[in-house]
Amino acid sequence: MITINGFLFREIPAYCGVCPGFLAGNNDKVGFCVLFEKRKPRYNNIPKRCNALFTKGFAIGGDLVITKNI
């Protein structure tokens, strides 16, 4: 179990719609990814960058923070 930017993850999400960092209404097909600030379809497979982030996060464990490089 890890937290990324305050969102609790118990396992790697199978698709964007079940990710705790994904915001959408009940009947919305498109939502907003809070972790990467992008609009995404709800039933998209998770992107490679998310999969890599979750894999590394679960290997390290604990609390993680994603920052924006300016």
Protein backbone atom coordinates (compact mmCIF):
# COMPACT_ATOMS: atom_id res chain seq x y z
CA MET A 1 0.00 0.00 0.00
CA ILE A 2 1.39 3.39 -1.02
CA THR A 3 0.22 6.98 -1.23
CA ILE A 4 0.98 9.21 -4.19
CA ASN A 5 0.19 12.91 -3.75
CA GLY A 6 -2.19 11.99 -0.93
CA PHE A 7 -4.14 9.30 -2.86
CA LEU A 8 -4.08 5.80 -1.35
CA PHE A 9 -3.23 2.93 -3.73
CA ARG A 10 -3.70 -0.67 -2.63
CA GLU A 11 -2.79 -2.14 -6.04
CA ILE A 12 -1.89 -1.06 -9.56
CA PRO A 13 -5.09 0.12 -11.29
CA ALA A 14 -6.25 -1.88 -14.32
CA TYR A 15 -7.60 1.18 -16.14
CA CYS A 16 -7.88 4.94 -15.56
CA GLY A 17 -11.45 4.83 -14.20
CA VAL A 18 -10.50 2.83 -11.09
CA CYS A 19 -7.47 4.96 -10.21
CA PRO A 20 -8.02 7.05 -7.04
CA GLY A 21 -6.44 10.03 -8.83
CA PHE A 22 -9.11 10.02 -11.55
CA LEU A 23 -12.09 12.35 -11.20
CA ALA A 24 -15.30 11.79 -13.17
CA GLY A 25 -19.03 11.98 -12.64
CA ASN A 26 -21.32 8.95 -12.54
CA ASN A 27 -22.15 8.92 -16.27
CA ASP A 28 -19.10 10.71 -17.65
CA LYS A 29 -17.03 8.81 -20.23
CA VAL A 30 -14.18 11.33 -19.93
CA GLY A 31 -12.63 12.43 -16.67
CA PHE A 32 -9.59 14.23 -15.31
CA CYS A 33 -6.33 12.67 -14.12
CA VAL A 34 -5.27 14.68 -11.08
CA LEU A 35 -1.79 13.12 -10.97
CA PHE A 36 -0.77 14.33 -14.44
CA GLU A 37 -3.37 17.09 -15.05
CA LYS A 38 -4.83 15.55 -18.24
CA ARG A 39 -8.31 14.71 -19.51
CA LYS A 40 -8.58 10.97 -20.13
CA PRO A 41 -11.29 8.51 -21.19
CA ARG A 42 -12.50 6.48 -18.20
CA TYR A 43 -11.87 3.04 -19.72
CA ASN A 44 -8.38 3.72 -21.13
CA ASN A 45 -5.62 1.33 -20.13
CA ILE A 46 -3.20 3.04 -17.80
CA PRO A 47 -0.35 4.79 -19.66
CA LYS A 48 3.20 3.40 -19.54
CA ARG A 49 4.35 6.31 -17.36
CA CYS A 50 1.65 5.50 -14.78
CA ASN A 51 2.49 1.79 -14.84
CA ALA A 52 6.19 2.59 -14.34
CA LEU A 53 5.32 5.00 -11.51
CA PHE A 54 3.12 2.44 -9.74
CA THR A 55 5.64 -0.37 -10.19
CA LYS A 56 8.47 1.72 -8.73
CA GLY A 57 6.20 3.06 -6.00
CA PHE A 58 5.19 -0.38 -4.80
CA ALA A 59 8.83 -1.51 -4.90
CA ILE A 60 9.88 1.46 -2.72
CA GLY A 61 6.73 1.74 -0.59
CA GLY A 62 5.62 4.62 1.60
CA ASP A 63 4.54 8.11 0.60
CA LEU A 64 5.47 9.47 -2.82
CA VAL A 65 5.06 12.94 -4.29
CA ILE A 66 4.94 13.79 -8.00
CA THR A 67 6.41 17.21 -8.70
CA LYS A 68 6.33 19.32 -11.84
CA ASN A 69 9.69 20.17 -13.37
CA ILE A 70 9.63 23.80 -14.51
